[in-house]
N, C-alpha and C. Protein backbone atom coordinates (compact mmCIF):
# COMPACT_ATOMS: atom_id res chain seq x y z
N MET A 1 -8.11 -2.99 -11.82
CA MET A 1 -7.11 -1.95 -11.97
C MET A 1 -5.78 -2.46 -11.43
N THR A 2 -4.70 -2.09 -12.10
CA THR A 2 -3.37 -2.46 -11.64
C THR A 2 -2.81 -1.37 -10.72
N VAL A 3 -1.76 -1.70 -10.01
CA VAL A 3 -1.10 -0.71 -9.15
C VAL A 3 -0.59 0.45 -9.99
N LYS A 4 -0.05 0.17 -11.15
CA LYS A 4 0.46 1.23 -12.04
C LYS A 4 -0.66 2.18 -12.45
N GLU A 5 -1.81 1.63 -12.81
CA GLU A 5 -2.95 2.48 -13.19
C GLU A 5 -3.40 3.34 -12.00
N LEU A 6 -3.39 2.77 -10.81
CA LEU A 6 -3.75 3.50 -9.60
C LEU A 6 -2.78 4.66 -9.36
N VAL A 7 -1.49 4.39 -9.49
CA VAL A 7 -0.45 5.42 -9.31
C VAL A 7 -0.70 6.58 -10.27
N ASP A 8 -0.96 6.26 -11.52
CA ASP A 8 -1.19 7.30 -12.52
C ASP A 8 -2.47 8.08 -12.25
N LEU A 9 -3.53 7.38 -11.88
CA LEU A 9 -4.83 8.00 -11.67
C LEU A 9 -4.85 8.93 -10.46
N PHE A 10 -4.15 8.55 -9.39
CA PHE A 10 -4.20 9.32 -8.15
C PHE A 10 -2.89 10.05 -7.82
N ASN A 11 -1.97 10.05 -8.78
CA ASN A 11 -0.71 10.79 -8.62
C ASN A 11 0.03 10.38 -7.34
N LEU A 12 0.19 9.07 -7.15
CA LEU A 12 0.88 8.54 -5.98
C LEU A 12 2.38 8.44 -6.26
N GLU A 13 3.18 8.56 -5.24
CA GLU A 13 4.63 8.43 -5.39
C GLU A 13 5.02 6.97 -5.24
N ILE A 14 5.83 6.47 -6.16
CA ILE A 14 6.35 5.11 -6.07
C ILE A 14 7.65 5.15 -5.29
N VAL A 15 7.70 4.45 -4.17
CA VAL A 15 8.91 4.36 -3.36
C VAL A 15 9.65 3.08 -3.70
N ALA A 16 8.90 2.00 -3.84
CA ALA A 16 9.43 0.72 -4.32
C ALA A 16 8.33 0.14 -5.21
N GLY A 17 8.68 -0.15 -6.44
CA GLY A 17 7.65 -0.61 -7.38
C GLY A 17 8.09 -1.78 -8.22
N PRO A 18 8.46 -2.89 -7.59
CA PRO A 18 8.93 -4.03 -8.36
C PRO A 18 7.83 -4.83 -9.06
N ASN A 19 6.56 -4.56 -8.73
CA ASN A 19 5.48 -5.40 -9.25
C ASN A 19 4.24 -4.54 -9.54
N LEU A 20 4.40 -3.52 -10.35
CA LEU A 20 3.34 -2.54 -10.59
C LEU A 20 2.19 -3.07 -11.44
N GLU A 21 2.34 -4.22 -12.07
CA GLU A 21 1.26 -4.79 -12.87
C GLU A 21 0.31 -5.66 -12.04
N LYS A 22 0.54 -5.71 -10.74
CA LYS A 22 -0.31 -6.49 -9.84
C LYS A 22 -1.71 -5.89 -9.80
N GLU A 23 -2.71 -6.75 -9.86
CA GLU A 23 -4.11 -6.32 -9.81
C GLU A 23 -4.53 -5.97 -8.39
N ILE A 24 -5.42 -5.01 -8.27
CA ILE A 24 -5.94 -4.56 -6.98
C ILE A 24 -7.36 -5.09 -6.81
N ASP A 25 -7.64 -5.58 -5.61
CA ASP A 25 -8.98 -6.04 -5.29
C ASP A 25 -9.33 -5.59 -3.88
N GLY A 26 -9.78 -4.35 -3.74
CA GLY A 26 -10.21 -3.84 -2.45
C GLY A 26 -9.15 -3.05 -1.72
N VAL A 27 -9.57 -2.49 -0.59
CA VAL A 27 -8.70 -1.62 0.20
C VAL A 27 -8.89 -1.96 1.68
N TYR A 28 -7.79 -1.97 2.43
CA TYR A 28 -7.84 -2.10 3.88
C TYR A 28 -7.14 -0.90 4.49
N ILE A 29 -7.77 -0.29 5.50
CA ILE A 29 -7.18 0.86 6.18
C ILE A 29 -6.97 0.50 7.64
N GLY A 30 -5.74 0.63 8.10
CA GLY A 30 -5.47 0.35 9.51
C GLY A 30 -3.99 0.39 9.80
N ASP A 31 -3.68 0.55 11.09
CA ASP A 31 -2.29 0.66 11.50
C ASP A 31 -1.87 -0.43 12.48
N LEU A 32 -2.80 -1.22 12.95
CA LEU A 32 -2.49 -2.29 13.88
C LEU A 32 -2.17 -3.55 13.06
N LEU A 33 -0.92 -3.97 13.09
CA LEU A 33 -0.47 -5.06 12.21
C LEU A 33 -1.28 -6.33 12.39
N SER A 34 -1.64 -6.66 13.62
CA SER A 34 -2.40 -7.89 13.85
C SER A 34 -3.78 -7.82 13.18
N ASN A 35 -4.39 -6.65 13.15
CA ASN A 35 -5.67 -6.50 12.44
C ASN A 35 -5.49 -6.67 10.94
N VAL A 36 -4.43 -6.10 10.40
CA VAL A 36 -4.17 -6.23 8.97
C VAL A 36 -3.97 -7.71 8.61
N MET A 37 -3.20 -8.41 9.43
CA MET A 37 -2.97 -9.83 9.17
C MET A 37 -4.26 -10.64 9.23
N ALA A 38 -5.15 -10.27 10.13
CA ALA A 38 -6.38 -11.03 10.32
C ALA A 38 -7.49 -10.64 9.35
N ARG A 39 -7.51 -9.39 8.89
CA ARG A 39 -8.69 -8.91 8.17
C ARG A 39 -8.46 -8.41 6.74
N ALA A 40 -7.25 -8.01 6.42
CA ALA A 40 -6.98 -7.62 5.03
C ALA A 40 -7.03 -8.87 4.17
N GLU A 41 -7.34 -8.67 2.90
CA GLU A 41 -7.47 -9.80 1.98
C GLU A 41 -6.44 -9.71 0.87
N LYS A 42 -6.17 -10.85 0.30
CA LYS A 42 -5.21 -10.94 -0.81
C LYS A 42 -5.57 -9.90 -1.89
N ASP A 43 -4.56 -9.24 -2.40
CA ASP A 43 -4.66 -8.23 -3.46
C ASP A 43 -5.28 -6.91 -3.03
N ASN A 44 -5.53 -6.72 -1.71
CA ASN A 44 -5.98 -5.42 -1.20
C ASN A 44 -4.84 -4.41 -1.28
N LEU A 45 -5.21 -3.14 -1.32
CA LEU A 45 -4.30 -2.05 -1.02
C LEU A 45 -4.35 -1.87 0.49
N TRP A 46 -3.25 -1.46 1.08
CA TRP A 46 -3.24 -1.19 2.52
C TRP A 46 -2.81 0.24 2.74
N LEU A 47 -3.69 1.04 3.34
CA LEU A 47 -3.40 2.43 3.69
C LEU A 47 -3.01 2.48 5.16
N THR A 48 -1.85 3.07 5.45
CA THR A 48 -1.31 3.08 6.81
C THR A 48 -0.40 4.27 7.03
N VAL A 49 -0.04 4.51 8.29
CA VAL A 49 0.98 5.51 8.63
C VAL A 49 2.27 4.81 9.08
N GLN A 50 2.30 3.49 9.03
CA GLN A 50 3.46 2.71 9.47
C GLN A 50 4.44 2.55 8.30
N GLY A 51 5.71 2.82 8.55
CA GLY A 51 6.69 2.72 7.49
C GLY A 51 7.87 1.81 7.82
N HIS A 52 7.76 1.01 8.87
CA HIS A 52 8.87 0.14 9.28
C HIS A 52 8.84 -1.19 8.51
N GLN A 53 9.88 -1.99 8.68
CA GLN A 53 10.03 -3.19 7.85
C GLN A 53 8.98 -4.26 8.14
N ASN A 54 8.34 -4.23 9.30
CA ASN A 54 7.28 -5.21 9.56
C ASN A 54 6.09 -5.02 8.63
N VAL A 55 5.93 -3.82 8.10
CA VAL A 55 4.88 -3.55 7.11
C VAL A 55 5.12 -4.41 5.87
N VAL A 56 6.36 -4.52 5.46
CA VAL A 56 6.70 -5.34 4.29
C VAL A 56 6.41 -6.80 4.58
N ALA A 57 6.75 -7.25 5.77
CA ALA A 57 6.48 -8.65 6.14
C ALA A 57 4.99 -8.95 6.12
N VAL A 58 4.18 -8.05 6.65
CA VAL A 58 2.73 -8.24 6.65
C VAL A 58 2.19 -8.21 5.22
N ALA A 59 2.67 -7.31 4.41
CA ALA A 59 2.23 -7.23 3.02
C ALA A 59 2.52 -8.54 2.28
N LEU A 60 3.67 -9.13 2.56
CA LEU A 60 4.02 -10.42 1.96
C LEU A 60 3.11 -11.54 2.47
N LEU A 61 2.89 -11.56 3.77
CA LEU A 61 2.08 -12.59 4.38
C LEU A 61 0.66 -12.60 3.83
N VAL A 62 0.07 -11.43 3.71
CA VAL A 62 -1.31 -11.31 3.26
C VAL A 62 -1.41 -11.28 1.73
N GLU A 63 -0.27 -11.09 1.06
CA GLU A 63 -0.21 -10.99 -0.41
C GLU A 63 -0.97 -9.77 -0.92
N LEU A 64 -0.66 -8.62 -0.32
CA LEU A 64 -1.28 -7.37 -0.70
C LEU A 64 -0.75 -6.86 -2.03
N SER A 65 -1.54 -6.09 -2.73
CA SER A 65 -1.08 -5.54 -4.02
C SER A 65 -0.12 -4.38 -3.81
N ALA A 66 -0.32 -3.59 -2.75
CA ALA A 66 0.58 -2.47 -2.46
C ALA A 66 0.28 -1.91 -1.08
N VAL A 67 1.26 -1.23 -0.52
CA VAL A 67 1.11 -0.48 0.71
C VAL A 67 1.17 0.99 0.34
N ILE A 68 0.23 1.78 0.86
CA ILE A 68 0.26 3.23 0.62
C ILE A 68 0.46 3.92 1.96
N LEU A 69 1.58 4.58 2.09
CA LEU A 69 1.89 5.36 3.29
C LEU A 69 1.25 6.74 3.12
N VAL A 70 0.38 7.11 4.04
CA VAL A 70 -0.40 8.34 3.91
C VAL A 70 0.19 9.46 4.76
N GLU A 71 -0.37 10.65 4.60
CA GLU A 71 -0.04 11.83 5.40
C GLU A 71 1.44 12.21 5.34
N ASP A 72 2.07 11.88 4.22
CA ASP A 72 3.47 12.24 3.96
C ASP A 72 4.47 11.64 4.95
N PHE A 73 4.09 10.53 5.60
CA PHE A 73 5.05 9.81 6.43
C PHE A 73 6.11 9.19 5.52
N GLU A 74 7.24 8.80 6.10
CA GLU A 74 8.34 8.23 5.34
C GLU A 74 8.54 6.75 5.68
N TYR A 75 8.92 5.96 4.70
CA TYR A 75 9.33 4.58 4.94
C TYR A 75 10.75 4.57 5.47
N GLU A 76 11.04 3.64 6.37
CA GLU A 76 12.41 3.44 6.79
C GLU A 76 13.20 2.83 5.63
N GLU A 77 14.47 3.16 5.53
CA GLU A 77 15.29 2.70 4.40
C GLU A 77 15.33 1.18 4.32
N ASN A 78 15.42 0.50 5.46
CA ASN A 78 15.46 -0.97 5.40
C ASN A 78 14.14 -1.54 4.90
N SER A 79 13.05 -0.82 5.07
CA SER A 79 11.75 -1.26 4.53
C SER A 79 11.77 -1.21 3.00
N VAL A 80 12.32 -0.14 2.48
CA VAL A 80 12.39 0.03 1.03
C VAL A 80 13.28 -1.05 0.41
N GLN A 81 14.42 -1.29 1.01
CA GLN A 81 15.33 -2.33 0.51
C GLN A 81 14.66 -3.71 0.53
N ARG A 82 14.00 -4.01 1.63
CA ARG A 82 13.32 -5.31 1.77
C ARG A 82 12.19 -5.45 0.76
N ALA A 83 11.44 -4.38 0.55
CA ALA A 83 10.34 -4.40 -0.41
C ALA A 83 10.85 -4.67 -1.83
N CYS A 84 11.95 -4.04 -2.18
CA CYS A 84 12.54 -4.27 -3.51
C CYS A 84 12.99 -5.72 -3.66
N GLN A 85 13.57 -6.27 -2.61
CA GLN A 85 14.04 -7.67 -2.65
C GLN A 85 12.88 -8.66 -2.75
N LYS A 86 11.79 -8.35 -2.06
CA LYS A 86 10.68 -9.30 -1.94
C LYS A 86 9.52 -9.04 -2.90
N GLY A 87 9.60 -7.99 -3.69
CA GLY A 87 8.54 -7.74 -4.67
C GLY A 87 7.30 -7.06 -4.12
N VAL A 88 7.47 -6.24 -3.08
CA VAL A 88 6.34 -5.53 -2.47
C VAL A 88 6.32 -4.09 -2.96
N ASN A 89 5.17 -3.66 -3.45
CA ASN A 89 5.01 -2.28 -3.91
C ASN A 89 4.77 -1.35 -2.73
N LEU A 90 5.60 -0.31 -2.61
CA LEU A 90 5.43 0.71 -1.58
C LEU A 90 5.15 2.04 -2.26
N LEU A 91 4.03 2.64 -1.90
CA LEU A 91 3.63 3.92 -2.45
C LEU A 91 3.47 4.92 -1.31
N LYS A 92 3.36 6.20 -1.65
CA LYS A 92 3.09 7.19 -0.60
C LYS A 92 2.32 8.36 -1.18
N THR A 93 1.70 9.11 -0.25
CA THR A 93 0.92 10.28 -0.62
C THR A 93 0.87 11.24 0.56
N LYS A 94 0.56 12.49 0.27
CA LYS A 94 0.35 13.48 1.32
C LYS A 94 -1.07 13.43 1.87
N LYS A 95 -1.95 12.79 1.12
CA LYS A 95 -3.36 12.75 1.51
C LYS A 95 -3.59 11.93 2.77
N LYS A 96 -4.70 12.20 3.46
CA LYS A 96 -5.13 11.41 4.60
C LYS A 96 -5.83 10.15 4.10
N SER A 97 -5.83 9.11 4.91
CA SER A 97 -6.47 7.84 4.54
C SER A 97 -7.92 8.04 4.12
N TYR A 98 -8.66 8.80 4.92
CA TYR A 98 -10.08 9.02 4.63
C TYR A 98 -10.27 9.67 3.26
N ASP A 99 -9.51 10.72 3.00
CA ASP A 99 -9.65 11.44 1.73
C ASP A 99 -9.32 10.54 0.55
N LEU A 100 -8.27 9.76 0.68
CA LEU A 100 -7.88 8.85 -0.39
C LEU A 100 -8.94 7.76 -0.58
N ALA A 101 -9.45 7.22 0.52
CA ALA A 101 -10.49 6.19 0.43
C ALA A 101 -11.75 6.73 -0.25
N CYS A 102 -12.11 7.97 0.04
CA CYS A 102 -13.26 8.57 -0.63
C CYS A 102 -13.04 8.66 -2.14
N LYS A 103 -11.83 9.04 -2.53
CA LYS A 103 -11.51 9.10 -3.96
C LYS A 103 -11.55 7.71 -4.59
N PHE A 104 -11.11 6.71 -3.85
CA PHE A 104 -11.16 5.33 -4.34
C PHE A 104 -12.62 4.91 -4.55
N CYS A 105 -13.48 5.27 -3.62
CA CYS A 105 -14.90 4.92 -3.74
C CYS A 105 -15.52 5.57 -4.98
N GLU A 106 -15.17 6.80 -5.22
CA GLU A 106 -15.67 7.50 -6.40
C GLU A 106 -15.23 6.81 -7.68
N SER A 107 -14.06 6.16 -7.64
CA SER A 107 -13.52 5.47 -8.81
C SER A 107 -13.84 3.99 -8.80
N GLU A 108 -14.58 3.53 -7.80
CA GLU A 108 -15.01 2.13 -7.67
C GLU A 108 -13.84 1.16 -7.60
N ILE A 109 -12.85 1.48 -6.79
CA ILE A 109 -11.73 0.55 -6.59
C ILE A 109 -12.13 -0.46 -5.56
């Protein structure tokens, strides 16, 4: 599944979407950046409540397919600008990480 297909299927908001045709392979949930760097895998989605610019740096480092900001948190403006420059997809939703992950499991993401 691509990021674009995920957005359409789960009604996610695109905050920065320079690379929506990127394929998704798995999901990582967490807010501790060092854990994400150590344990998330290339092409994973990352569900988090963090919206600062270090999120974009970690997404680039790990080569994630997209970051999904949950619980209606907001990205900082410099994060959005950096994501657009670097090709990182930033999405958001009002849903909680657990609820979204359950829906992903039902859809076999």
